[in-house]
Amino acid sequence: MVQINFALKEVNCKVVFYGPGMSGKTTNLEIVHQKAPEENKGELTSISTDGDRTLFFDFMPLDLGNVAGMRTKFQLYTVPGQVYYNSTRKLVLQGVDGVIFVADSDPDKMDENVERYANLIENLAEYGKDARELPHVIQYNKRDLPNAMSVEDLDASLNRFGVPTFEAVANTGEGVFPTLKTLAGMVLESIEKIDGRNPRKAARRSRRRSRLPRPLPHRPSRAPLPRAPRNRRARRPPPPRWLPPGAAQAPPAAVAAAPAAAQKGARPAAAGRRAAAAAPRWRPRERRARARWGSSSGSPSR
């Protein structure tokens, strides 16, 4: 699976050389390691035995420089070709982004070529990958053999899905880099198709997100609750003015005559105001004295 590191601006891809034993998988990797620039290649790790040159896998990181503004790195692996190492081949295929199937052009190895290609499709299916969608190419190695099969016969037996094929002689380096270059381009194109992940667009989105403020944790709203509208209290009429006994109210006859006076144009409230103005006003001290001694003069009677 493609790994994109936006902090370091790196894209890491995994490529596996697959095929029967002694078909030239490790030789391809050694040629790439020999001819790649020193600043773009890492250390080559290899485990070899007498029966097969690769017991577990070969690994070599390869830096292809900047592609679409991102530094692209390929991790190249090979798998053992013997039948009893199928679990190892399946383990190395985990998270693969592209496969180079190295086929042997020897007619005696044709059955092994067909068996390993079917094994590749089966192991990819266990990881949920379809060989028709996964970027992969076929390399017909050992084209220098005198009895090498024709390309048409090899295509008829191996190339089920019409993938690109290359003729190679891995010992001399012929066809090694064209095969790897074509597969690298197919892997980079697949990065843009898978879920719309384009390294350049993804880098822009990451920079845009880094400029946005970090969202605050959710808190309940502290907005004041809406208040009910206040009902204005109706204005109460002013309390009646205190009047002395005998002058507190107008006689009933004056009240009855008020509508008639209003019809003549007179103001009914004017008579009441004049009567209130003519009535004597008592001061609080005189009122208290009057209420205590009952004297109109305000002096106590003995």
Protein backbone atom coordinates (compact mmCIF):
# COMPACT_ATOMS: atom_id res chain seq x y z
CA MET A 1 0.00 0.00 0.00
CA VAL A 2 1.33 3.42 -0.93
CA GLN A 3 2.52 5.39 2.10
CA ILE A 4 2.43 9.18 1.80
CA ASN A 5 4.33 11.22 4.39
CA PHE A 6 3.23 14.83 4.04
CA ALA A 7 5.59 16.06 6.75
CA LEU A 8 8.66 14.81 4.86
CA LYS A 9 6.98 15.10 1.42
CA GLU A 10 7.71 11.47 0.63
CA VAL A 11 5.83 8.75 -1.25
CA ASN A 12 6.91 5.18 -0.46
CA CYS A 13 5.94 2.44 -2.91
CA LYS A 14 6.56 -1.29 -2.73
CA VAL A 15 7.57 -3.29 -5.81
CA VAL A 16 8.05 -7.08 -5.76
CA PHE A 17 9.93 -9.19 -8.31
CA TYR A 18 7.96 -12.43 -8.65
CA GLY A 19 8.61 -15.59 -10.64
CA PRO A 20 9.98 -19.15 -10.57
CA GLY A 21 13.29 -20.07 -9.00
CA MET A 22 16.50 -19.08 -10.81
CA SER A 23 14.57 -16.99 -13.34
CA GLY A 24 16.64 -13.83 -12.76
CA LYS A 25 14.76 -11.93 -10.03
CA THR A 26 17.78 -11.31 -7.82
CA THR A 27 19.94 -10.56 -10.87
CA ASN A 28 17.53 -7.75 -11.83
CA LEU A 29 17.86 -6.28 -8.37
CA GLU A 30 21.63 -6.49 -8.40
CA ILE A 31 21.85 -4.72 -11.75
CA VAL A 32 19.62 -1.92 -10.48
CA HIS A 33 21.81 -1.59 -7.39
CA GLN A 34 25.01 -1.49 -9.46
CA LYS A 35 23.90 1.12 -11.98
CA ALA A 36 21.76 3.36 -9.78
CA PRO A 37 23.44 6.59 -8.56
CA GLU A 38 25.00 6.36 -5.13
CA GLU A 39 22.84 9.15 -3.69
CA ASN A 40 19.63 7.45 -4.86
CA LYS A 41 20.10 3.90 -3.62
CA GLY A 42 20.27 2.20 -0.27
CA GLU A 43 21.96 -0.92 0.98
CA LEU A 44 21.17 -4.22 -0.74
CA THR A 45 20.21 -6.99 1.66
CA SER A 46 20.28 -10.53 0.31
CA ILE A 47 19.99 -14.02 1.79
CA SER A 48 21.13 -16.80 -0.53
CA THR A 49 21.32 -20.59 -0.39
CA ASP A 50 22.67 -23.32 -2.65
CA GLY A 51 19.26 -24.37 -3.93
CA ASP A 52 17.94 -20.88 -4.57
CA ARG A 53 19.72 -17.56 -4.45
CA THR A 54 17.02 -15.97 -2.32
CA LEU A 55 15.95 -17.75 0.85
CA PHE A 56 13.67 -15.04 2.22
CA PHE A 57 13.76 -11.82 0.18
CA ASP A 58 16.07 -9.16 -1.20
CA PHE A 59 15.39 -5.57 -0.25
CA MET A 60 16.77 -2.33 -1.63
CA PRO A 61 15.30 1.18 -1.24
CA LEU A 62 15.54 3.24 -4.42
CA ASP A 63 15.02 7.01 -4.58
CA LEU A 64 13.68 8.29 -7.93
CA GLY A 65 13.79 11.97 -6.99
CA ASN A 66 10.93 14.46 -6.96
CA VAL A 67 7.74 13.48 -8.73
CA ALA A 68 4.80 15.95 -8.56
CA GLY A 69 6.52 17.85 -5.77
CA MET A 70 6.99 14.74 -3.62
CA ARG A 71 10.15 12.67 -3.17
CA THR A 72 9.32 9.22 -4.49
CA LYS A 73 10.99 6.16 -2.98
CA PHE A 74 10.60 2.58 -4.17
CA GLN A 75 11.28 -0.42 -1.98
CA LEU A 76 12.30 -3.34 -4.20
CA TYR A 77 11.77 -6.90 -2.97
CA THR A 78 12.24 -10.37 -4.45
CA VAL A 79 10.64 -13.59 -3.30
CA PRO A 80 11.90 -17.20 -3.23
CA GLY A 81 10.78 -19.29 -6.15
CA GLN A 82 10.58 -22.75 -4.59
CA VAL A 83 7.16 -24.28 -4.05
CA TYR A 84 7.61 -24.81 -0.30
CA TYR A 85 8.23 -21.07 0.27
CA ASN A 86 4.70 -20.05 -0.66
CA SER A 87 4.00 -18.65 2.81
CA THR A 88 7.06 -16.42 2.45
CA ARG A 89 5.95 -15.20 -0.97
CA LYS A 90 2.53 -14.41 0.40
CA LEU A 91 4.05 -12.46 3.30
CA VAL A 92 6.25 -10.36 1.01
CA LEU A 93 3.24 -9.52 -1.19
CA GLN A 94 1.47 -7.84 1.71
CA GLY A 95 0.96 -4.15 0.90
CA VAL A 96 2.47 -4.46 -2.59
CA ASP A 97 1.93 -1.60 -5.08
CA GLY A 98 3.40 -3.18 -8.21
CA VAL A 99 4.73 -6.54 -9.40
CA ILE A 100 7.38 -7.44 -11.99
CA PHE A 101 6.88 -11.05 -13.02
CA VAL A 102 10.20 -12.44 -14.27
CA ALA A 103 9.60 -15.40 -16.59
CA ASP A 104 12.26 -17.81 -17.83
CA SER A 105 12.46 -18.09 -21.62
CA ASP A 106 13.72 -21.67 -21.39
CA PRO A 107 11.05 -24.06 -22.79
CA ASP A 108 11.73 -26.51 -19.96
CA LYS A 109 10.72 -23.81 -17.43
CA MET A 110 7.40 -23.00 -19.06
CA ASP A 111 5.34 -25.08 -16.66
CA GLU A 112 6.96 -23.36 -13.70
CA ASN A 113 6.25 -19.97 -15.25
CA VAL A 114 2.56 -20.78 -15.61
CA GLU A 115 2.37 -22.23 -12.10
CA ARG A 116 4.05 -19.20 -10.46
CA TYR A 117 1.86 -16.74 -12.35
CA ALA A 118 -1.25 -18.58 -11.17
CA ASN A 119 0.23 -18.59 -7.66
CA LEU A 120 0.71 -14.81 -7.90
CA ILE A 121 -2.95 -14.27 -8.81
CA GLU A 122 -4.06 -16.54 -5.97
CA ASN A 123 -1.91 -14.84 -3.31
CA LEU A 124 -3.04 -11.38 -4.42
CA ALA A 125 -6.68 -12.49 -4.19
CA GLU A 126 -6.16 -13.47 -0.55
CA TYR A 127 -5.22 -9.84 0.18
CA GLY A 128 -8.27 -8.58 -1.70
CA LYS A 129 -6.26 -7.41 -4.74
CA ASP A 130 -7.24 -8.09 -8.33
CA ALA A 131 -4.35 -8.85 -10.68
CA ARG A 132 -6.20 -7.05 -13.48
CA GLU A 133 -6.19 -3.80 -11.48
CA LEU A 134 -2.82 -4.08 -9.72
CA PRO A 135 0.03 -2.50 -11.77
CA HIS A 136 2.26 -5.31 -12.99
CA VAL A 137 4.38 -6.14 -16.01
CA ILE A 138 5.98 -9.33 -17.36
CA GLN A 139 9.67 -9.58 -18.17
CA TYR A 140 10.82 -12.41 -20.47
CA ASN A 141 14.35 -12.99 -19.20
CA LYS A 142 17.22 -15.04 -20.66
CA ARG A 143 16.50 -14.03 -24.24
CA ASP A 144 20.10 -14.95 -25.07
CA LEU A 145 19.41 -18.70 -24.81
CA PRO A 146 19.71 -20.54 -28.13
CA ASN A 147 16.44 -22.38 -27.56
CA ALA A 148 14.50 -19.45 -26.08
CA MET A 149 10.79 -19.49 -26.74
CA SER A 150 9.29 -16.87 -28.98
CA VAL A 151 7.57 -13.87 -27.47
CA GLU A 152 4.28 -14.86 -29.11
CA ASP A 153 4.32 -18.28 -27.43
CA LEU A 154 5.18 -16.75 -24.08
CA ASP A 155 2.36 -14.21 -24.41
CA ALA A 156 -0.13 -16.92 -25.30
CA SER A 157 0.75 -18.90 -22.17
CA LEU A 158 1.33 -16.14 -19.58
CA ASN A 159 -0.08 -12.77 -20.55
CA ARG A 160 -3.71 -13.31 -19.59
CA PHE A 161 -4.56 -9.63 -19.00
CA GLY A 162 -2.58 -7.97 -21.79
CA VAL A 163 -0.06 -6.22 -19.52
CA PRO A 164 3.17 -4.68 -20.91
CA THR A 165 5.94 -7.19 -21.62
CA PHE A 166 9.71 -6.72 -22.01
CA GLU A 167 12.57 -8.83 -23.33
CA ALA A 168 15.61 -8.85 -21.09
CA VAL A 169 18.97 -10.36 -20.44
CA ALA A 170 19.46 -9.67 -16.75
CA ASN A 171 23.12 -10.72 -16.68
CA THR A 172 24.07 -7.87 -19.01
CA GLY A 173 21.44 -5.41 -17.75
CA GLU A 174 19.51 -5.37 -21.03
CA GLY A 175 15.82 -4.60 -20.47
CA VAL A 176 16.16 -4.25 -16.68
CA PHE A 177 15.68 -0.50 -16.35
CA PRO A 178 12.95 -0.18 -19.03
CA THR A 179 10.96 -2.77 -17.12
CA LEU A 180 11.37 -0.97 -13.80
CA LYS A 181 10.72 2.46 -15.33
CA THR A 182 7.45 1.36 -16.94
CA LEU A 183 6.20 -0.22 -13.74
CA ALA A 184 7.16 2.86 -11.69
CA GLY A 185 5.06 5.03 -14.01
CA MET A 186 2.11 2.66 -13.66
CA VAL A 187 2.38 2.74 -9.87
CA LEU A 188 2.45 6.55 -9.80
CA GLU A 189 -0.61 6.68 -12.04
CA SER A 190 -2.44 4.28 -9.73
CA ILE A 191 -1.76 6.61 -6.78
CA GLU A 192 -3.86 9.30 -8.46
CA LYS A 193 -6.70 6.88 -9.20
CA ILE A 194 -7.03 5.19 -5.81
CA ASP A 195 -9.61 7.27 -3.89
CA GLY A 196 -8.51 10.35 -5.82
CA ARG A 197 -5.23 10.49 -3.91
CA ASN A 198 -2.95 12.77 -5.90
CA PRO A 199 0.28 13.54 -4.01
CA ARG A 200 0.29 17.13 -5.21
CA LYS A 201 -3.38 17.77 -4.40
CA ALA A 202 -3.10 15.93 -1.09
CA ALA A 203 -0.11 18.09 -0.15
CA ARG A 204 -2.12 21.22 -0.95
CA ARG A 205 -5.02 19.99 1.17
CA SER A 206 -2.69 19.24 4.07
CA ARG A 207 -1.13 22.72 3.89
CA ARG A 208 -4.57 24.30 3.67
CA ARG A 209 -5.76 22.35 6.70
CA SER A 210 -2.67 23.33 8.69
CA ARG A 211 -3.52 27.01 8.21
CA LEU A 212 -7.04 26.60 9.52
CA PRO A 213 -7.62 27.26 13.25
CA ARG A 214 -7.97 24.21 15.39
CA PRO A 215 -11.61 23.65 16.35
CA LEU A 216 -12.44 24.19 20.01
CA PRO A 217 -14.02 21.42 22.05
CA HIS A 218 -17.78 21.39 22.09
CA ARG A 219 -19.30 23.46 24.88
CA PRO A 220 -22.91 24.20 25.62
CA SER A 221 -24.09 27.56 24.40
CA ARG A 222 -24.01 30.34 26.98
CA ALA A 223 -26.36 32.63 25.11
CA PRO A 224 -28.99 34.19 27.39
CA LEU A 225 -32.40 32.64 27.24
CA PRO A 226 -35.10 34.79 25.63
CA ARG A 227 -37.10 36.72 28.18
CA ALA A 228 -40.83 36.93 28.14
CA PRO A 229 -42.08 40.38 27.15
CA ARG A 230 -42.84 42.52 30.15
CA ASN A 231 -46.42 43.63 30.52
CA ARG A 232 -46.50 47.24 31.33
CA ARG A 233 -48.57 47.82 34.37
CA ALA A 234 -51.57 49.95 33.69
CA ARG A 235 -51.34 53.34 35.21
CA ARG A 236 -53.51 53.61 38.23
CA PRO A 237 -55.43 56.75 38.83
CA PRO A 238 -53.90 59.00 41.50
CA PRO A 239 -55.36 58.63 44.98
CA PRO A 240 -58.07 61.16 45.82
CA ARG A 241 -56.93 64.31 47.53
CA TRP A 242 -57.87 64.62 51.18
CA LEU A 243 -60.69 67.04 51.76
CA PRO A 244 -62.14 68.29 55.06
CA PRO A 245 -65.52 66.99 56.17
CA GLY A 246 -68.35 68.60 54.27
CA ALA A 247 -66.25 69.40 51.20
CA ALA A 248 -64.98 65.95 50.21
CA GLN A 249 -67.42 65.34 47.39
CA ALA A 250 -69.80 67.29 45.33
CA PRO A 251 -73.49 66.84 46.13
CA PRO A 252 -75.34 64.25 44.08
CA ALA A 253 -77.29 67.00 42.40
CA ALA A 254 -74.08 68.47 40.92
CA VAL A 255 -73.06 65.06 39.60
CA ALA A 256 -76.44 64.56 37.99
CA ALA A 257 -76.28 68.01 36.46
CA ALA A 258 -72.82 67.43 34.97
CA PRO A 259 -74.02 65.83 31.71
CA ALA A 260 -76.39 68.69 31.12
CA ALA A 261 -73.61 71.20 31.70
CA ALA A 262 -71.36 69.28 29.31
CA GLN A 263 -74.04 69.60 26.61
CA LYS A 264 -73.97 73.40 27.06
CA GLY A 265 -70.19 73.46 26.56
CA ALA A 266 -69.20 73.77 30.25
CA ARG A 267 -66.39 71.65 31.62
CA PRO A 268 -67.65 69.31 34.34
CA ALA A 269 -64.17 69.02 35.89
CA ALA A 270 -63.85 72.79 36.30
CA ALA A 271 -66.47 72.96 39.04
CA GLY A 272 -64.72 70.27 40.99
CA ARG A 273 -61.38 72.08 40.72
CA ARG A 274 -62.86 75.34 41.88
CA ALA A 275 -64.52 73.62 44.86
CA ALA A 276 -61.26 71.93 45.83
CA ALA A 277 -59.39 75.22 45.56
CA ALA A 278 -61.96 77.05 47.73
CA ALA A 279 -61.95 74.36 50.43
CA PRO A 280 -59.59 75.02 53.35
CA ARG A 281 -56.42 72.96 53.39
CA TRP A 282 -55.26 71.58 56.69
CA ARG A 283 -51.64 71.10 57.53
CA PRO A 284 -50.53 67.76 58.93
CA ARG A 285 -49.87 69.18 62.43
CA GLU A 286 -53.27 70.81 62.54
CA ARG A 287 -54.92 67.62 61.35
CA ARG A 288 -53.30 65.66 64.15
CA ALA A 289 -54.27 68.25 66.72
CA ARG A 290 -57.80 68.35 65.40
CA ALA A 291 -58.09 64.61 65.49
CA ARG A 292 -56.72 64.49 69.06
CA TRP A 293 -58.61 67.36 70.76
CA GLY A 294 -61.50 67.80 68.40
CA SER A 295 -61.00 71.60 68.38
CA SER A 296 -61.18 73.62 65.23
CA SER A 297 -58.73 76.17 66.70
CA GLY A 298 -55.99 73.55 67.22
CA SER A 299 -55.53 74.36 71.00
CA PRO A 300 -56.41 71.77 73.64
CA SER A 301 -59.56 72.37 75.67
CA ARG A 302 -59.46 71.86 79.38
